[in-house]
Amino acid sequence: DKEPRRYWPGPAPRWWKLPDELREEPVARLRAWVEQVYQPGYGAVASRLPDCWERHDYCLYMLDWLSELWSVLYLQDKRSAGMLSGQAEWQTRLLAAAAEQMAAETRSCGHSNYRYDSAFTRRSRP
């Protein structure tokens, strides 16, 4: 078949119900996306994600939909005008807003050795 390949998102993890031992697989999936796509591809925006993101349910919720939406938008064989519009919105509006919210959520958590300023730069804590 020459049918175009399509990505279909899976069910969202129920973070609020998952005990630690059942979080390993969905967190590993997010970790792979963060390491293979997010950090290498999104530079200064991605640098705002602290090393302790796995310990914050808020970050798990955000990275789950970010990774799934990225997959829907970028893992297709063909791109339509609607898809292009979705990619533009993801890149310019959704990604920046999600990164800012995750940085705000973790800014003073005490887990990380970093703090963030509004210029998207990571600095060591004094």
PDB file of N, CA and C in Angstrom:
ATOM      1  N   ASP A   1       0.834  -1.206   0.000  1.00  0.00           N
ATOM      2  CA  ASP A   1       0.000   0.000   0.000  1.00  0.00           C
ATOM      3  C   ASP A   1       0.866   1.252   0.000  1.00  0.00           C
ATOM      4  N   LYS A   2       0.422   2.246  -0.714  1.00  0.00           N
ATOM      5  CA  LYS A   2       1.075   3.561  -0.713  1.00  0.00           C
ATOM      6  C   LYS A   2       0.308   4.539   0.169  1.00  0.00           C
ATOM      7  N   GLU A   3      -0.462   4.010   1.091  1.00  0.00           N
ATOM      8  CA  GLU A   3      -1.232   4.824   2.033  1.00  0.00           C
ATOM      9  C   GLU A   3      -0.277   5.671   2.868  1.00  0.00           C
ATOM     10  N   PRO A   4      -0.557   6.982   3.016  1.00  0.00           N
ATOM     11  CA  PRO A   4       0.332   7.814   3.836  1.00  0.00           C
ATOM     12  C   PRO A   4       0.361   7.336   5.285  1.00  0.00           C
ATOM     13  N   ARG A   5       1.533   7.431   5.876  1.00  0.00           N
ATOM     14  CA  ARG A   5       1.708   7.063   7.279  1.00  0.00           C
ATOM     15  C   ARG A   5       1.150   8.183   8.153  1.00  0.00           C
ATOM     16  N   ARG A   6       0.414   7.819   9.164  1.00  0.00           N
ATOM     17  CA  ARG A   6      -0.152   8.793  10.090  1.00  0.00           C
ATOM     18  C   ARG A   6       0.198   8.404  11.522  1.00  0.00           C
ATOM     19  N   TYR A   7       0.395   9.400  12.333  1.00  0.00           N
ATOM     20  CA  TYR A   7       0.641   9.165  13.757  1.00  0.00           C
ATOM     21  C   TYR A   7      -0.669   9.395  14.491  1.00  0.00           C
ATOM     22  N   TRP A   8      -1.037   8.454  15.332  1.00  0.00           N
ATOM     23  CA  TRP A   8      -2.241   8.593  16.155  1.00  0.00           C
ATOM     24  C   TRP A   8      -1.811   8.623  17.613  1.00  0.00           C
ATOM     25  N   PRO A   9      -2.173   9.661  18.346  1.00  0.00           N
ATOM     26  CA  PRO A   9      -1.764   9.744  19.756  1.00  0.00           C
ATOM     27  C   PRO A   9      -2.400   8.632  20.589  1.00  0.00           C
ATOM     28  N   GLY A  10      -1.652   8.200  21.571  1.00  0.00           N
ATOM     29  CA  GLY A  10      -2.155   7.192  22.493  1.00  0.00           C
ATOM     30  C   GLY A  10      -2.878   7.846  23.659  1.00  0.00           C
ATOM     31  N   PRO A  11      -3.385   7.039  24.563  1.00  0.00           N
ATOM     32  CA  PRO A  11      -4.081   7.603  25.725  1.00  0.00           C
ATOM     33  C   PRO A  11      -3.109   8.352  26.637  1.00  0.00           C
ATOM     34  N   ALA A  12      -3.608   9.355  27.288  1.00  0.00           N
ATOM     35  CA  ALA A  12      -2.789  10.133  28.226  1.00  0.00           C
ATOM     36  C   ALA A  12      -2.565   9.326  29.502  1.00  0.00           C
ATOM     37  N   PRO A  13      -1.337   9.355  30.014  1.00  0.00           N
ATOM     38  CA  PRO A  13      -1.108   8.700  31.311  1.00  0.00           C
ATOM     39  C   PRO A  13      -1.948   9.385  32.387  1.00  0.00           C
ATOM     40  N   ARG A  14      -2.440   8.619  33.300  1.00  0.00           N
ATOM     41  CA  ARG A  14      -3.222   9.161  34.425  1.00  0.00           C
ATOM     42  C   ARG A  14      -2.264   9.379  35.595  1.00  0.00           C
ATOM     43  N   TRP A  15      -1.497  10.469  35.461  1.00  0.00           N
ATOM     44  CA  TRP A  15      -0.427  10.735  36.424  1.00  0.00           C
ATOM     45  C   TRP A  15      -0.944  10.746  37.856  1.00  0.00           C
ATOM     46  N   TRP A  16      -2.121  11.262  38.078  1.00  0.00           N
ATOM     47  CA  TRP A  16      -2.668  11.381  39.424  1.00  0.00           C
ATOM     48  C   TRP A  16      -2.959  10.016  40.047  1.00  0.00           C
ATOM     49  N   LYS A  17      -3.044   8.967  39.238  1.00  0.00           N
ATOM     50  CA  LYS A  17      -3.368   7.633  39.736  1.00  0.00           C
ATOM     51  C   LYS A  17      -2.178   6.680  39.710  1.00  0.00           C
ATOM     52  N   LEU A  18      -1.114   7.043  39.024  1.00  0.00           N
ATOM     53  CA  LEU A  18      -0.003   6.107  38.844  1.00  0.00           C
ATOM     54  C   LEU A  18       0.928   6.075  40.045  1.00  0.00           C
ATOM     55  N   PRO A  19       1.075   4.898  40.654  1.00  0.00           N
ATOM     56  CA  PRO A  19       2.097   4.781  41.704  1.00  0.00           C
ATOM     57  C   PRO A  19       3.482   4.816  41.050  1.00  0.00           C
ATOM     58  N   ASP A  20       4.493   5.077  41.840  1.00  0.00           N
ATOM     59  CA  ASP A  20       5.855   5.239  41.319  1.00  0.00           C
ATOM     60  C   ASP A  20       6.280   4.110  40.386  1.00  0.00           C
ATOM     61  N   GLU A  21       5.979   2.869  40.741  1.00  0.00           N
ATOM     62  CA  GLU A  21       6.452   1.735  39.941  1.00  0.00           C
ATOM     63  C   GLU A  21       5.782   1.672  38.558  1.00  0.00           C
ATOM     64  N   LEU A  22       4.619   2.287  38.390  1.00  0.00           N
ATOM     65  CA  LEU A  22       3.946   2.296  37.088  1.00  0.00           C
ATOM     66  C   LEU A  22       4.232   3.559  36.278  1.00  0.00           C
ATOM     67  N   ARG A  23       4.976   4.476  36.844  1.00  0.00           N
ATOM     68  CA  ARG A  23       5.350   5.703  36.125  1.00  0.00           C
ATOM     69  C   ARG A  23       6.570   5.499  35.224  1.00  0.00           C
ATOM     70  N   GLU A  24       7.315   4.449  35.473  1.00  0.00           N
ATOM     71  CA  GLU A  24       8.585   4.260  34.785  1.00  0.00           C
ATOM     72  C   GLU A  24       8.439   4.279  33.255  1.00  0.00           C
ATOM     73  N   GLU A  25       7.500   3.541  32.704  1.00  0.00           N
ATOM     74  CA  GLU A  25       7.357   3.459  31.245  1.00  0.00           C
ATOM     75  C   GLU A  25       6.921   4.787  30.629  1.00  0.00           C
ATOM     76  N   PRO A  26       5.857   5.446  31.135  1.00  0.00           N
ATOM     77  CA  PRO A  26       5.492   6.718  30.514  1.00  0.00           C
ATOM     78  C   PRO A  26       6.543   7.819  30.720  1.00  0.00           C
ATOM     79  N   VAL A  27       7.241   7.813  31.842  1.00  0.00           N
ATOM     80  CA  VAL A  27       8.310   8.794  32.062  1.00  0.00           C
ATOM     81  C   VAL A  27       9.475   8.504  31.115  1.00  0.00           C
ATOM     82  N   ALA A  28       9.794   7.236  30.888  1.00  0.00           N
ATOM     83  CA  ALA A  28      10.867   6.874  29.951  1.00  0.00           C
ATOM     84  C   ALA A  28      10.535   7.354  28.538  1.00  0.00           C
ATOM     85  N   ARG A  29       9.269   7.247  28.144  1.00  0.00           N
ATOM     86  CA  ARG A  29       8.848   7.728  26.826  1.00  0.00           C
ATOM     87  C   ARG A  29       9.052   9.233  26.724  1.00  0.00           C
ATOM     88  N   LEU A  30       8.656   9.974  27.761  1.00  0.00           N
ATOM     89  CA  LEU A  30       8.859  11.426  27.764  1.00  0.00           C
ATOM     90  C   LEU A  30      10.349  11.768  27.793  1.00  0.00           C
ATOM     91  N   ARG A  31      11.132  11.042  28.592  1.00  0.00           N
ATOM     92  CA  ARG A  31      12.564  11.296  28.676  1.00  0.00           C
ATOM     93  C   ARG A  31      13.214  11.128  27.295  1.00  0.00           C
ATOM     94  N   ALA A  32      12.808  10.106  26.562  1.00  0.00           N
ATOM     95  CA  ALA A  32      13.364   9.889  25.217  1.00  0.00           C
ATOM     96  C   ALA A  32      13.019  11.059  24.307  1.00  0.00           C
ATOM     97  N   TRP A  33      11.780  11.564  24.369  1.00  0.00           N
ATOM     98  CA  TRP A  33      11.399  12.697  23.528  1.00  0.00           C
ATOM     99  C   TRP A  33      12.171  13.956  23.932  1.00  0.00           C
ATOM    100  N   VAL A  34      12.296  14.187  25.235  1.00  0.00           N
ATOM    101  CA  VAL A  34      13.050  15.356  25.718  1.00  0.00           C
ATOM    102  C   VAL A  34      14.499  15.286  25.231  1.00  0.00           C
ATOM    103  N   GLU A  35      15.130  14.120  25.332  1.00  0.00           N
ATOM    104  CA  GLU A  35      16.538  13.972  24.968  1.00  0.00           C
ATOM    105  C   GLU A  35      16.780  13.949  23.457  1.00  0.00           C
ATOM    106  N   GLN A  36      15.845  13.405  22.693  1.00  0.00           N
ATOM    107  CA  GLN A  36      16.048  13.236  21.256  1.00  0.00           C
ATOM    108  C   GLN A  36      15.465  14.353  20.407  1.00  0.00           C
ATOM    109  N   VAL A  37      14.425  15.037  20.903  1.00  0.00           N
ATOM    110  CA  VAL A  37      13.741  16.057  20.107  1.00  0.00           C
ATOM    111  C   VAL A  37      13.790  17.424  20.785  1.00  0.00           C
ATOM    112  N   TYR A  38      13.273  17.507  21.992  1.00  0.00           N
ATOM    113  CA  TYR A  38      13.079  18.793  22.655  1.00  0.00           C
ATOM    114  C   TYR A  38      14.403  19.518  22.919  1.00  0.00           C
ATOM    115  N   GLN A  39      15.301  18.905  23.653  1.00  0.00           N
ATOM    116  CA  GLN A  39      16.551  19.583  24.008  1.00  0.00           C
ATOM    117  C   GLN A  39      17.441  19.870  22.796  1.00  0.00           C
ATOM    118  N   PRO A  40      17.657  18.911  21.894  1.00  0.00           N
ATOM    119  CA  PRO A  40      18.515  19.254  20.760  1.00  0.00           C
ATOM    120  C   PRO A  40      17.876  20.213  19.765  1.00  0.00           C
ATOM    121  N   GLY A  41      16.566  20.225  19.671  1.00  0.00           N
ATOM    122  CA  GLY A  41      15.913  21.013  18.638  1.00  0.00           C
ATOM    123  C   GLY A  41      15.401  22.371  19.048  1.00  0.00           C
ATOM    124  N   TYR A  42      15.244  22.612  20.346  1.00  0.00           N
ATOM    125  CA  TYR A  42      14.577  23.838  20.774  1.00  0.00           C
ATOM    126  C   TYR A  42      15.423  24.699  21.702  1.00  0.00           C
ATOM    127  N   GLY A  43      16.719  24.551  21.626  1.00  0.00           N
ATOM    128  CA  GLY A  43      17.705  25.431  22.224  1.00  0.00           C
ATOM    129  C   GLY A  43      17.348  26.136  23.510  1.00  0.00           C
ATOM    130  N   ALA A  44      17.292  27.460  23.434  1.00  0.00           N
ATOM    131  CA  ALA A  44      17.091  28.302  24.619  1.00  0.00           C
ATOM    132  C   ALA A  44      15.761  28.016  25.298  1.00  0.00           C
ATOM    133  N   VAL A  45      14.740  27.730  24.539  1.00  0.00           N
ATOM    134  CA  VAL A  45      13.433  27.420  25.138  1.00  0.00           C
ATOM    135  C   VAL A  45      13.545  26.135  25.954  1.00  0.00           C
ATOM    136  N   ALA A  46      14.136  25.099  25.382  1.00  0.00           N
ATOM    137  CA  ALA A  46      14.266  23.816  26.071  1.00  0.00           C
ATOM    138  C   ALA A  46      15.229  23.882  27.251  1.00  0.00           C
ATOM    139  N   SER A  47      16.181  24.810  27.227  1.00  0.00           N
ATOM    140  CA  SER A  47      17.151  24.911  28.326  1.00  0.00           C
ATOM    141  C   SER A  47      16.491  25.341  29.628  1.00  0.00           C
ATOM    142  N   ARG A  48      15.278  25.817  29.557  1.00  0.00           N
ATOM    143  CA  ARG A  48      14.563  26.237  30.768  1.00  0.00           C
ATOM    144  C   ARG A  48      14.006  25.065  31.554  1.00  0.00           C
ATOM    145  N   LEU A  49      13.975  23.875  30.935  1.00  0.00           N
ATOM    146  CA  LEU A  49      13.461  22.690  31.623  1.00  0.00           C
ATOM    147  C   LEU A  49      14.514  22.216  32.616  1.00  0.00           C
ATOM    148  N   PRO A  50      14.187  22.189  33.908  1.00  0.00           N
ATOM    149  CA  PRO A  50      15.194  21.790  34.890  1.00  0.00           C
ATOM    150  C   PRO A  50      15.437  20.287  34.857  1.00  0.00           C
ATOM    151  N   ASP A  51      16.554  19.884  35.395  1.00  0.00           N
ATOM    152  CA  ASP A  51      16.904  18.464  35.439  1.00  0.00           C
ATOM    153  C   ASP A  51      15.896  17.643  36.251  1.00  0.00           C
ATOM    154  N   CYS A  52      15.177  18.285  37.139  1.00  0.00           N
ATOM    155  CA  CYS A  52      14.242  17.574  38.028  1.00  0.00           C
ATOM    156  C   CYS A  52      12.828  17.478  37.460  1.00  0.00           C
ATOM    157  N   TRP A  53      12.642  17.733  36.174  1.00  0.00           N
ATOM    158  CA  TRP A  53      11.295  17.763  35.594  1.00  0.00           C
ATOM    159  C   TRP A  53      10.512  16.478  35.850  1.00  0.00           C
ATOM    160  N   GLU A  54      11.180  15.346  35.933  1.00  0.00           N
ATOM    161  CA  GLU A  54      10.492  14.069  36.153  1.00  0.00           C
ATOM    162  C   GLU A  54       9.813  13.998  37.519  1.00  0.00           C
ATOM    163  N   ARG A  55      10.209  14.862  38.436  1.00  0.00           N
ATOM    164  CA  ARG A  55       9.652  14.865  39.789  1.00  0.00           C
ATOM    165  C   ARG A  55       8.464  15.814  39.925  1.00  0.00           C
ATOM    166  N   HIS A  56       8.057  16.428  38.826  1.00  0.00           N
ATOM    167  CA  HIS A  56       6.957  17.401  38.851  1.00  0.00           C
ATOM    168  C   HIS A  56       5.820  16.930  37.957  1.00  0.00           C
ATOM    169  N   ASP A  57       4.685  16.583  38.576  1.00  0.00           N
ATOM    170  CA  ASP A  57       3.533  16.154  37.782  1.00  0.00           C
ATOM    171  C   ASP A  57       3.149  17.202  36.739  1.00  0.00           C
ATOM    172  N   TYR A  58       3.256  18.465  37.092  1.00  0.00           N
ATOM    173  CA  TYR A  58       2.913  19.527  36.143  1.00  0.00           C
ATOM    174  C   TYR A  58       3.741  19.404  34.862  1.00  0.00           C
ATOM    175  N   CYS A  59       5.027  19.158  34.994  1.00  0.00           N
ATOM    176  CA  CYS A  59       5.895  18.991  33.825  1.00  0.00           C
ATOM    177  C   CYS A  59       5.531  17.726  33.059  1.00  0.00           C
ATOM    178  N   LEU A  60       5.158  16.672  33.772  1.00  0.00           N
ATOM    179  CA  LEU A  60       4.754  15.442  33.097  1.00  0.00           C
ATOM    180  C   LEU A  60       3.500  15.680  32.254  1.00  0.00           C
ATOM    181  N   TYR A  61       2.526  16.383  32.797  1.00  0.00           N
ATOM    182  CA  TYR A  61       1.319  16.723  32.027  1.00  0.00           C
ATOM    183  C   TYR A  61       1.686  17.534  30.783  1.00  0.00           C
ATOM    184  N   MET A  62       2.499  18.559  30.962  1.00  0.00           N
ATOM    185  CA  MET A  62       2.861  19.447  29.850  1.00  0.00           C
ATOM    186  C   MET A  62       3.671  18.716  28.790  1.00  0.00           C
ATOM    187  N   LEU A  63       4.679  17.982  29.205  1.00  0.00           N
ATOM    188  CA  LEU A  63       5.523  17.292  28.235  1.00  0.00           C
ATOM    189  C   LEU A  63       4.767  16.180  27.520  1.00  0.00           C
ATOM    190  N   ASP A  64       3.789  15.602  28.181  1.00  0.00           N
ATOM    191  CA  ASP A  64       2.976  14.582  27.521  1.00  0.00           C
ATOM    192  C   ASP A  64       2.254  15.169  26.314  1.00  0.00           C
ATOM    193  N   TRP A  65       1.532  16.283  26.518  1.00  0.00           N
ATOM    194  CA  TRP A  65       0.797  16.821  25.360  1.00  0.00           C
ATOM    195  C   TRP A  65       1.737  17.478  24.353  1.00  0.00           C
ATOM    196  N   LEU A  66       2.836  18.075  24.832  1.00  0.00           N
ATOM    197  CA  LEU A  66       3.804  18.645  23.884  1.00  0.00           C
ATOM    198  C   LEU A  66       4.376  17.565  22.967  1.00  0.00           C
ATOM    199  N   SER A  67       4.780  16.448  23.545  1.00  0.00           N
ATOM    200  CA  SER A  67       5.384  15.384  22.742  1.00  0.00           C
ATOM    201  C   SER A  67       4.364  14.748  21.805  1.00  0.00           C
ATOM    202  N   GLU A  68       3.153  14.567  22.269  1.00  0.00           N
ATOM    203  CA  GLU A  68       2.121  13.975  21.412  1.00  0.00           C
ATOM    204  C   GLU A  68       1.732  14.924  20.281  1.00  0.00           C
ATOM    205  N   LEU A  69       1.575  16.194  20.594  1.00  0.00           N
ATOM    206  CA  LEU A  69       1.217  17.144  19.543  1.00  0.00           C
ATOM    207  C   LEU A  69       2.358  17.296  18.548  1.00  0.00           C
ATOM    208  N   TRP A  70       3.601  17.325  19.033  1.00  0.00           N
ATOM    209  CA  TRP A  70       4.749  17.361  18.126  1.00  0.00           C
ATOM    210  C   TRP A  70       4.711  16.150  17.182  1.00  0.00           C
ATOM    211  N   SER A  71       4.425  14.978  17.730  1.00  0.00           N
ATOM    212  CA  SER A  71       4.364  13.760  16.916  1.00  0.00           C
ATOM    213  C   SER A  71       3.261  13.837  15.864  1.00  0.00           C
ATOM    214  N   VAL A  72       2.093  14.337  16.257  1.00  0.00           N
ATOM    215  CA  VAL A  72       0.994  14.498  15.297  1.00  0.00           C
ATOM    216  C   VAL A  72       1.396  15.458  14.185  1.00  0.00           C
ATOM    217  N   LEU A  73       2.089  16.526  14.539  1.00  0.00           N
ATOM    218  CA  LEU A  73       2.441  17.554  13.561  1.00  0.00           C
ATOM    219  C   LEU A  73       3.656  17.201  12.698  1.00  0.00           C
ATOM    220  N   TYR A  74       4.575  16.391  13.208  1.00  0.00           N
ATOM    221  CA  TYR A  74       5.827  16.171  12.495  1.00  0.00           C
ATOM    222  C   TYR A  74       6.081  14.733  12.033  1.00  0.00           C
ATOM    223  N   LEU A  75       5.305  13.771  12.478  1.00  0.00           N
ATOM    224  CA  LEU A  75       5.531  12.385  12.069  1.00  0.00           C
ATOM    225  C   LEU A  75       4.501  11.943  11.029  1.00  0.00           C
ATOM    226  N   GLN A  76       4.281  12.762  10.048  1.00  0.00           N
ATOM    227  CA  GLN A  76       3.344  12.464   8.960  1.00  0.00           C
ATOM    228  C   GLN A  76       4.111  12.425   7.646  1.00  0.00           C
ATOM    229  N   ASP A  77       3.647  11.614   6.729  1.00  0.00           N
ATOM    230  CA  ASP A  77       4.282  11.550   5.411  1.00  0.00           C
ATOM    231  C   ASP A  77       3.973  12.771   4.558  1.00  0.00           C
ATOM    232  N   LYS A  78       2.818  13.363   4.754  1.00  0.00           N
ATOM    233  CA  LYS A  78       2.421  14.518   3.953  1.00  0.00           C
ATOM    234  C   LYS A  78       2.043  15.666   4.873  1.00  0.00           C
ATOM    235  N   ARG A  79       2.158  16.890   4.327  1.00  0.00           N
ATOM    236  CA  ARG A  79       1.818  18.078   5.117  1.00  0.00           C
ATOM    237  C   ARG A  79       0.796  18.897   4.338  1.00  0.00           C
ATOM    238  N   SER A  80      -0.286  19.213   5.009  1.00  0.00           N
ATOM    239  CA  SER A  80      -1.345  20.033   4.427  1.00  0.00           C
ATOM    240  C   SER A  80      -1.195  21.471   4.906  1.00  0.00           C
ATOM    241  N   ALA A  81      -2.003  22.355   4.347  1.00  0.00           N
ATOM    242  CA  ALA A  81      -2.000  23.746   4.809  1.00  0.00           C
ATOM    243  C   ALA A  81      -2.392  23.810   6.284  1.00  0.00           C
ATOM    244  N   GLY A  82      -3.348  23.005   6.694  1.00  0.00           N
ATOM    245  CA  GLY A  82      -3.753  22.962   8.096  1.00  0.00           C
ATOM    246  C   GLY A  82      -2.637  22.472   8.999  1.00  0.00           C
ATOM    247  N   MET A  83      -1.901  21.474   8.531  1.00  0.00           N
ATOM    248  CA  MET A  83      -0.776  20.948   9.295  1.00  0.00           C
ATOM    249  C   MET A  83       0.301  22.025   9.438  1.00  0.00           C
ATOM    250  N   LEU A  84       0.591  22.738   8.361  1.00  0.00           N
ATOM    251  CA  LEU A  84       1.578  23.816   8.401  1.00  0.00           C
ATOM    252  C   LEU A  84       1.159  24.895   9.397  1.00  0.00           C
ATOM    253  N   SER A  85      -0.112  25.234   9.393  1.00  0.00           N
ATOM    254  CA  SER A  85      -0.630  26.213  10.346  1.00  0.00           C
ATOM    255  C   SER A  85      -0.473  25.702  11.785  1.00  0.00           C
ATOM    256  N   GLY A  86      -0.750  24.420  11.993  1.00  0.00           N
ATOM    257  CA  GLY A  86      -0.572  23.821  13.317  1.00  0.00           C
ATOM    258  C   GLY A  86       0.878  23.842  13.764  1.00  0.00           C
ATOM    259  N   GLN A  87       1.803  23.581  12.832  1.00  0.00           N
ATOM    260  CA  GLN A  87       3.221  23.635  13.163  1.00  0.00           C
ATOM    261  C   GLN A  87       3.641  25.049  13.556  1.00  0.00           C
ATOM    262  N   ALA A  88       3.146  26.034  12.821  1.00  0.00           N
ATOM    263  CA  ALA A  88       3.481  27.429  13.138  1.00  0.00           C
ATOM    264  C   ALA A  88       2.958  27.808  14.518  1.00  0.00           C
ATOM    265  N   GLU A  89       1.745  27.403  14.834  1.00  0.00           N
ATOM    266  CA  GLU A  89       1.180  27.718  16.154  1.00  0.00           C
ATOM    267  C   GLU A  89       1.950  26.994  17.257  1.00  0.00           C
ATOM    268  N   TRP A  90       2.312  25.752  17.016  1.00  0.00           N
ATOM    269  CA  TRP A  90       3.059  24.990  18.014  1.00  0.00           C
ATOM    270  C   TRP A  90       4.402  25.664  18.288  1.00  0.00           C
ATOM    271  N   GLN A  91       5.104  26.046  17.224  1.00  0.00           N
ATOM    272  CA  GLN A  91       6.434  26.640  17.359  1.00  0.00           C
ATOM    273  C   GLN A  91       6.417  28.025  18.002  1.00  0.00           C
ATOM    274  N   THR A  92       5.446  28.848  17.639  1.00  0.00           N
ATOM    275  CA  THR A  92       5.485  30.251  18.062  1.00  0.00           C
ATOM    276  C   THR A  92       4.684  30.549  19.316  1.00  0.00           C
ATOM    277  N   ARG A  93       3.641  29.780  19.587  1.00  0.00           N
ATOM    278  CA  ARG A  93       2.781  30.120  20.706  1.00  0.00           C
ATOM    279  C   ARG A  93       2.753  29.037  21.777  1.00  0.00           C
ATOM    280  N   LEU A  94       2.416  27.828  21.414  1.00  0.00           N
ATOM    281  CA  LEU A  94       2.210  26.778  22.410  1.00  0.00           C
ATOM    282  C   LEU A  94       3.500  26.367  23.112  1.00  0.00           C
ATOM    283  N   LEU A  95       4.564  26.148  22.363  1.00  0.00           N
ATOM    284  CA  LEU A  95       5.828  25.712  22.943  1.00  0.00           C
ATOM    285  C   LEU A  95       6.378  26.736  23.937  1.00  0.00           C
ATOM    286  N   ALA A  96       6.400  28.009  23.539  1.00  0.00           N
ATOM    287  CA  ALA A  96       6.927  29.056  24.424  1.00  0.00           C
ATOM    288  C   ALA A  96       6.097  29.174  25.701  1.00  0.00           C
ATOM    289  N   ALA A  97       4.784  29.106  25.561  1.00  0.00           N
ATOM    290  CA  ALA A  97       3.918  29.212  26.743  1.00  0.00           C
ATOM    291  C   ALA A  97       4.127  28.030  27.680  1.00  0.00           C
ATOM    292  N   ALA A  98       4.218  26.827  27.129  1.00  0.00           N
ATOM    293  CA  ALA A  98       4.424  25.640  27.961  1.00  0.00           C
ATOM    294  C   ALA A  98       5.778  25.694  28.665  1.00  0.00           C
ATOM    295  N   ALA A  99       6.821  26.103  27.947  1.00  0.00           N
ATOM    296  CA  ALA A  99       8.156  26.203  28.552  1.00  0.00           C
ATOM    297  C   ALA A  99       8.159  27.209  29.698  1.00  0.00           C
ATOM    298  N   GLU A 100       7.520  28.341  29.506  1.00  0.00           N
ATOM    299  CA  GLU A 100       7.447  29.358  30.560  1.00  0.00           C
ATOM    300  C   GLU A 100       6.694  28.824  31.781  1.00  0.00           C
ATOM    301  N   GLN A 101       5.593  28.129  31.552  1.00  0.00           N
ATOM    302  CA  GLN A 101       4.808  27.600  32.670  1.00  0.00           C
ATOM    303  C   GLN A 101       5.579  26.536  33.443  1.00  0.00           C
ATOM    304  N   MET A 102       6.302  25.660  32.729  1.00  0.00           N
ATOM    305  CA  MET A 102       7.101  24.645  33.434  1.00  0.00           C
ATOM    306  C   MET A 102       8.232  25.294  34.226  1.00  0.00           C
ATOM    307  N   ALA A 103       8.864  26.315  33.656  1.00  0.00           N
ATOM    308  CA  ALA A 103       9.923  27.028  34.375  1.00  0.00           C
ATOM    309  C   ALA A 103       9.367  27.704  35.621  1.00  0.00           C
ATOM    310  N   ALA A 104       8.204  28.321  35.504  1.00  0.00           N
ATOM    311  CA  ALA A 104       7.584  28.982  36.662  1.00  0.00           C
ATOM    312  C   ALA A 104       7.221  27.964  37.742  1.00  0.00           C
ATOM    313  N   GLU A 105       6.698  26.816  37.337  1.00  0.00           N
ATOM    314  CA  GLU A 105       6.304  25.772  38.279  1.00  0.00           C
ATOM    315  C   GLU A 105       7.497  25.240  39.072  1.00  0.00           C
ATOM    316  N   THR A 106       8.657  25.152  38.443  1.00  0.00           N
ATOM    317  CA  THR A 106       9.819  24.525  39.076  1.00  0.00           C
ATOM    318  C   THR A 106      10.850  25.521  39.586  1.00  0.00           C
ATOM    319  N   ARG A 107      10.591  26.800  39.409  1.00  0.00           N
ATOM    320  CA  ARG A 107      11.577  27.846  39.726  1.00  0.00           C
ATOM    321  C   ARG A 107      12.137  27.737  41.141  1.00  0.00           C
ATOM    322  N   SER A 108      11.311  27.462  42.107  1.00  0.00           N
ATOM    323  CA  SER A 108      11.805  27.419  43.495  1.00  0.00           C
ATOM    324  C   SER A 108      11.473  26.090  44.162  1.00  0.00           C
ATOM    325  N   CYS A 109      11.591  25.017  43.423  1.00  0.00           N
ATOM    326  CA  CYS A 109      11.200  23.707  43.951  1.00  0.00           C
ATOM    327  C   CYS A 109      12.224  23.126  44.926  1.00  0.00           C
ATOM    328  N   GLY A 110      13.491  23.546  44.806  1.00  0.00           N
ATOM    329  CA  GLY A 110      14.510  23.007  45.691  1.00  0.00           C
ATOM    330  C   GLY A 110      15.200  21.763  45.151  1.00  0.00           C
ATOM    331  N   HIS A 111      14.700  21.169  44.064  1.00  0.00           N
ATOM    332  CA  HIS A 111      15.335  19.985  43.484  1.00  0.00           C
ATOM    333  C   HIS A 111      16.534  20.341  42.625  1.00  0.00           C
ATOM    334  N   SER A 112      16.427  21.403  41.880  1.00  0.00           N
ATOM    335  CA  SER A 112      17.390  21.713  40.831  1.00  0.00           C
ATOM    336  C   SER A 112      18.520  22.597  41.328  1.00  0.00           C
ATOM    337  N   ASN A 113      19.636  22.532  40.640  1.00  0.00           N
ATOM    338  CA  ASN A 113      20.770  23.401  40.928  1.00  0.00           C
ATOM    339  C   ASN A 113      20.749  24.641  40.051  1.00  0.00           C
ATOM    340  N   TYR A 114      19.645  24.895  39.393  1.00  0.00           N
ATOM    341  CA  TYR A 114      19.570  25.996  38.446  1.00  0.00           C
ATOM    342  C   TYR A 114      18.393  26.906  38.753  1.00  0.00           C
ATOM    343  N   ARG A 115      18.523  28.148  38.314  1.00  0.00           N
ATOM    344  CA  ARG A 115      17.401  29.076  38.308  1.00  0.00           C
ATOM    345  C   ARG A 115      17.367  29.701  36.923  1.00  0.00           C
ATOM    346  N   TYR A 116      16.235  30.248  36.571  1.00  0.00           N
ATOM    347  CA  TYR A 116      16.062  30.759  35.218  1.00  0.00           C
ATOM    348  C   TYR A 116      15.681  32.220  35.269  1.00  0.00           C
ATOM    349  N   ASP A 117      16.161  32.972  34.298  1.00  0.00           N
ATOM    350  CA  ASP A 117      15.722  34.361  34.208  1.00  0.00           C
ATOM    351  C   ASP A 117      14.891  34.539  32.944  1.00  0.00           C
ATOM    352  N   SER A 118      14.365  35.710  32.748  1.00  0.00           N
ATOM    353  CA  SER A 118      13.448  35.939  31.647  1.00  0.00           C
ATOM    354  C   SER A 118      14.122  35.944  30.285  1.00  0.00           C
ATOM    355  N   ALA A 119      15.434  35.893  30.242  1.00  0.00           N
ATOM    356  CA  ALA A 119      16.153  35.881  28.966  1.00  0.00           C
ATOM    357  C   ALA A 119      16.402  34.462  28.473  1.00  0.00           C
ATOM    358  N   PHE A 120      15.724  33.456  29.058  1.00  0.00           N
ATOM    359  CA  PHE A 120      15.859  32.055  28.668  1.00  0.00           C
ATOM    360  C   PHE A 120      17.273  31.512  28.886  1.00  0.00           C
ATOM    361  N   THR A 121      17.977  32.012  29.875  1.00  0.00           N
ATOM    362  CA  THR A 121      19.316  31.509  30.123  1.00  0.00           C
ATOM    363  C   THR A 121      19.332  30.746  31.442  1.00  0.00           C
ATOM    364  N   ARG A 122      20.111  29.690  31.469  1.00  0.00           N
ATOM    365  CA  ARG A 122      20.245  28.897  32.684  1.00  0.00           C
ATOM    366  C   ARG A 122      21.466  29.404  33.421  1.00  0.00           C
ATOM    367  N   ARG A 123      21.319  29.671  34.706  1.00  0.00           N
ATOM    368  CA  ARG A 123      22.425  30.168  35.517  1.00  0.00           C
ATOM    369  C   ARG A 123      22.538  29.331  36.778  1.00  0.00           C
ATOM    370  N   SER A 124      23.744  29.147  37.239  1.00  0.00           N
ATOM    371  CA  SER A 124      23.946  28.424  38.494  1.00  0.00           C
ATOM    372  C   SER A 124      23.399  29.247  39.641  1.00  0.00           C
ATOM    373  N   ARG A 125      22.856  28.562  40.609  1.00  0.00           N
ATOM    374  CA  ARG A 125      22.388  29.249  41.818  1.00  0.00           C
ATOM    375  C   ARG A 125      23.588  29.733  42.611  1.00  0.00           C
ATOM    376  N   PRO A 126      23.464  30.891  43.256  1.00  0.00           N
ATOM    377  CA  PRO A 126      24.580  31.393  44.076  1.00  0.00           C
ATOM    378  C   PRO A 126      24.827  30.511  45.301  1.00  0.00           C
TER     379      PRO A 126
END
